[in-house]
Amino acid sequence: MNKFKNHTDIELMREIAKFESRALEELYDRYSPLLYTIVKKIAPDEESAKELLVEVFSIIWKKSNKFDFTNGNVYAWLVTLTRNKAVDYLRRSRKSESISQIYDDEYEDYFILPTFLPGMDSLDLETARSLKPKVEEALSELTDTQKYVLHLAYYEGYTIDEIANKLNVPVETVRNKVMTSLHNFRDNLAKE
């Protein structure tokens, strides 16, 4: 039995920062199903998704000391890290002009590792699971167009300019559509 089974997420991150491999195993057991689901929605195929999940946990192992322990939002950090890594992979595979930098530690620290504003509300895995039906309901109330532009931005990693080119519409139209979609989603979620 893993001695870290009853540790909180933040306690696991502290242990991982000390290079305690059993703590990483426990974090993997807790979060790999969720993170794999995120990666699978973004990655072009299952093999890429599996490789990306391994890369995400490699980053966690190497860079857990960059986690903001005062914030303590492990769930949000892991989800954002996973999304950032998967979207970066997609953009690089498209040979996007916006991604011409070499992928090194500095790039990873700046573009892949999440940073959050101080005072951000903390969210844990169980709370997120309990909110899933509310989030799905709030998303279902968006128009098809609103869902599509959010999908292009969040899951396919397109920039506002790239979405405008893809849809052959002005950049300002896309920007307004994305902002309206996000506001409507927030309002729908608040209703729930």
Protein backbone atom coordinates (compact mmCIF):
# COMPACT_ATOMS: atom_id res chain seq x y z
CA MET A 1 0.00 0.00 0.00
CA ASN A 2 1.21 3.47 -0.86
CA LYS A 3 1.95 5.46 2.31
CA PHE A 4 0.80 8.62 0.50
CA LYS A 5 -2.75 7.36 -0.15
CA ASN A 6 -4.29 9.62 2.52
CA HIS A 7 -2.20 12.69 1.75
CA THR A 8 -3.88 15.79 0.35
CA ASP A 9 -2.95 16.96 -3.13
CA ILE A 10 -0.82 19.79 -1.73
CA GLU A 11 1.00 17.36 0.58
CA LEU A 12 1.71 15.15 -2.43
CA MET A 13 3.11 18.11 -4.35
CA ARG A 14 5.41 18.95 -1.42
CA GLU A 15 6.68 15.37 -1.38
CA ILE A 16 7.13 15.33 -5.16
CA ALA A 17 9.19 18.53 -4.86
CA LYS A 18 11.50 16.45 -2.60
CA PHE A 19 11.63 13.82 -5.38
CA GLU A 20 9.56 11.26 -3.49
CA SER A 21 8.59 8.85 -6.27
CA ARG A 22 5.76 7.17 -4.32
CA ALA A 23 4.05 10.55 -3.99
CA LEU A 24 4.20 10.95 -7.77
CA GLU A 25 2.69 7.48 -8.15
CA GLU A 26 -0.20 8.47 -5.89
CA LEU A 27 -0.75 11.72 -7.80
CA TYR A 28 -0.70 9.71 -11.03
CA ASP A 29 -3.28 7.26 -9.64
CA ARG A 30 -5.56 10.14 -8.64
CA TYR A 31 -5.25 12.36 -11.68
CA SER A 32 -4.19 10.31 -14.70
CA PRO A 33 -7.78 9.37 -15.71
CA LEU A 34 -8.84 13.04 -15.71
CA LEU A 35 -5.66 14.33 -17.37
CA TYR A 36 -5.77 11.58 -19.98
CA THR A 37 -9.35 12.58 -20.84
CA ILE A 38 -8.18 16.17 -21.41
CA VAL A 39 -5.19 15.10 -23.50
CA LYS A 40 -7.30 12.70 -25.54
CA LYS A 41 -9.72 15.49 -26.48
CA ILE A 42 -6.83 17.58 -27.78
CA ALA A 43 -4.30 15.07 -29.16
CA PRO A 44 -4.74 13.89 -32.75
CA ASP A 45 -4.50 10.18 -31.85
CA GLU A 46 -4.29 7.77 -28.92
CA GLU A 47 -0.53 7.20 -29.19
CA SER A 48 0.13 10.94 -29.01
CA ALA A 49 -2.26 11.22 -26.06
CA LYS A 50 -0.36 8.53 -24.14
CA GLU A 51 3.00 10.18 -24.89
CA LEU A 52 1.66 13.57 -23.81
CA LEU A 53 0.40 12.17 -20.51
CA VAL A 54 3.86 10.75 -19.81
CA GLU A 55 5.41 14.13 -20.68
CA VAL A 56 2.97 15.91 -18.34
CA PHE A 57 3.97 13.71 -15.41
CA SER A 58 7.63 14.15 -16.34
CA ILE A 59 7.15 17.92 -16.11
CA ILE A 60 5.41 17.51 -12.75
CA TRP A 61 8.37 15.46 -11.51
CA LYS A 62 11.02 17.88 -12.75
CA LYS A 63 9.22 21.15 -12.04
CA SER A 64 7.01 20.60 -9.01
CA ASN A 65 9.18 23.13 -7.17
CA LYS A 66 7.71 25.79 -9.49
CA PHE A 67 4.23 25.06 -8.17
CA ASP A 68 2.85 27.92 -6.05
CA PHE A 69 2.50 26.26 -2.65
CA THR A 70 0.89 29.37 -1.16
CA ASN A 71 -1.99 29.12 -3.65
CA GLY A 72 -2.34 25.38 -3.23
CA ASN A 73 -4.57 24.86 -6.25
CA VAL A 74 -3.18 21.49 -7.40
CA TYR A 75 -6.25 20.54 -9.45
CA ALA A 76 -6.22 23.75 -11.51
CA TRP A 77 -2.42 23.60 -11.90
CA LEU A 78 -2.49 20.03 -13.21
CA VAL A 79 -5.42 20.60 -15.57
CA THR A 80 -3.92 23.81 -16.96
CA LEU A 81 -0.46 22.26 -17.30
CA THR A 82 -1.98 19.33 -19.21
CA ARG A 83 -4.01 21.55 -21.51
CA ASN A 84 -1.03 23.85 -22.16
CA LYS A 85 1.24 20.91 -23.03
CA ALA A 86 -1.33 19.27 -25.33
CA VAL A 87 -2.19 22.52 -27.12
CA ASP A 88 1.51 23.30 -27.58
CA TYR A 89 1.94 19.85 -29.13
CA LEU A 90 -0.98 20.51 -31.51
CA ARG A 91 0.33 23.91 -32.52
CA ARG A 92 3.80 22.53 -33.15
CA SER A 93 2.38 19.63 -35.18
CA ARG A 94 0.52 22.17 -37.35
CA LYS A 95 3.83 24.00 -37.73
CA SER A 96 2.06 27.13 -36.60
CA GLU A 97 3.94 30.33 -37.31
CA SER A 98 3.08 31.50 -33.80
CA ILE A 99 5.22 28.67 -32.37
CA SER A 100 8.69 29.08 -33.79
CA GLN A 101 10.62 28.99 -30.53
CA ILE A 102 12.78 26.10 -29.49
CA TYR A 103 11.19 24.01 -26.75
CA ASP A 104 13.59 24.29 -23.83
CA ASP A 105 13.32 24.80 -20.06
CA GLU A 106 12.80 28.53 -20.40
CA TYR A 107 10.02 28.04 -22.97
CA GLU A 108 8.40 25.37 -20.79
CA ASP A 109 8.53 27.58 -17.70
CA TYR A 110 6.93 30.49 -19.53
CA PHE A 111 4.39 28.84 -21.85
CA ILE A 112 3.58 25.43 -20.35
CA LEU A 113 3.72 25.84 -16.58
CA PRO A 114 0.58 27.52 -15.23
CA THR A 115 0.62 30.75 -13.30
CA PHE A 116 -2.40 32.00 -11.41
CA LEU A 117 -3.36 35.28 -9.85
CA PRO A 118 -2.97 35.45 -6.09
CA GLY A 119 -6.18 34.79 -4.21
CA MET A 120 -7.66 32.51 -6.86
CA ASP A 121 -10.26 30.16 -5.40
CA SER A 122 -8.90 26.69 -4.84
CA LEU A 123 -10.59 23.69 -6.43
CA ASP A 124 -9.98 20.05 -5.62
CA LEU A 125 -10.71 16.91 -7.61
CA GLU A 126 -13.85 15.93 -5.68
CA THR A 127 -15.37 19.41 -5.94
CA ALA A 128 -14.60 19.48 -9.66
CA ARG A 129 -16.29 16.11 -10.11
CA SER A 130 -19.37 17.36 -8.26
CA LEU A 131 -19.51 20.45 -10.51
CA LYS A 132 -19.28 18.46 -13.76
CA PRO A 133 -23.08 18.23 -14.34
CA LYS A 134 -23.45 21.98 -13.77
CA VAL A 135 -20.62 22.76 -16.19
CA GLU A 136 -22.09 20.43 -18.82
CA GLU A 137 -25.51 22.07 -18.41
CA ALA A 138 -24.00 25.56 -18.70
CA LEU A 139 -22.15 24.53 -21.87
CA SER A 140 -25.27 22.96 -23.38
CA GLU A 141 -27.04 26.31 -23.16
CA LEU A 142 -24.52 27.96 -25.48
CA THR A 143 -25.30 28.26 -29.18
CA ASP A 144 -23.54 25.92 -31.60
CA THR A 145 -21.40 28.80 -32.84
CA GLN A 146 -20.37 29.74 -29.30
CA LYS A 147 -19.44 26.13 -28.54
CA TYR A 148 -17.47 25.88 -31.76
CA VAL A 149 -15.30 28.96 -31.22
CA LEU A 150 -14.60 27.88 -27.64
CA HIS A 151 -13.68 24.42 -28.89
CA LEU A 152 -11.32 25.86 -31.48
CA ALA A 153 -9.66 28.06 -28.87
CA TYR A 154 -9.53 25.68 -25.91
CA TYR A 155 -9.18 22.19 -27.39
CA GLU A 156 -7.54 22.91 -30.72
CA GLY A 157 -5.33 25.73 -29.50
CA TYR A 158 -6.13 28.21 -32.23
CA THR A 159 -5.43 31.87 -31.59
CA ILE A 160 -8.06 34.51 -32.34
CA ASP A 161 -6.25 35.33 -35.61
CA GLU A 162 -6.10 31.64 -36.61
CA ILE A 163 -9.81 31.18 -35.87
CA ALA A 164 -10.61 34.24 -37.99
CA ASN A 165 -8.57 32.80 -40.87
CA LYS A 166 -10.12 29.36 -40.48
CA LEU A 167 -13.68 30.75 -40.45
CA ASN A 168 -12.92 33.52 -42.95
CA VAL A 169 -14.36 36.22 -40.71
CA PRO A 170 -12.84 39.41 -39.27
CA VAL A 171 -10.67 39.08 -36.17
CA GLU A 172 -12.90 41.45 -34.22
CA THR A 173 -15.93 39.27 -34.94
CA VAL A 174 -14.11 36.24 -33.54
CA ARG A 175 -12.90 38.19 -30.51
CA ASN A 176 -16.46 39.34 -29.78
CA LYS A 177 -17.83 35.82 -30.29
CA VAL A 178 -15.27 34.31 -27.90
CA MET A 179 -15.91 36.97 -25.25
CA THR A 180 -19.69 36.60 -25.61
CA SER A 181 -19.35 32.81 -25.36
CA LEU A 182 -17.27 33.05 -22.19
CA HIS A 183 -19.65 35.57 -20.61
CA ASN A 184 -22.68 33.43 -21.49
CA PHE A 185 -20.97 30.33 -20.12
CA ARG A 186 -20.16 32.15 -16.86
CA ASP A 187 -23.73 33.46 -16.59
CA ASN A 188 -25.18 29.99 -17.33
CA LEU A 189 -22.92 28.49 -14.69
CA ALA A 190 -23.95 31.12 -12.16
CA LYS A 191 -27.63 30.26 -12.78
CA GLU A 192 -26.93 26.66 -11.89
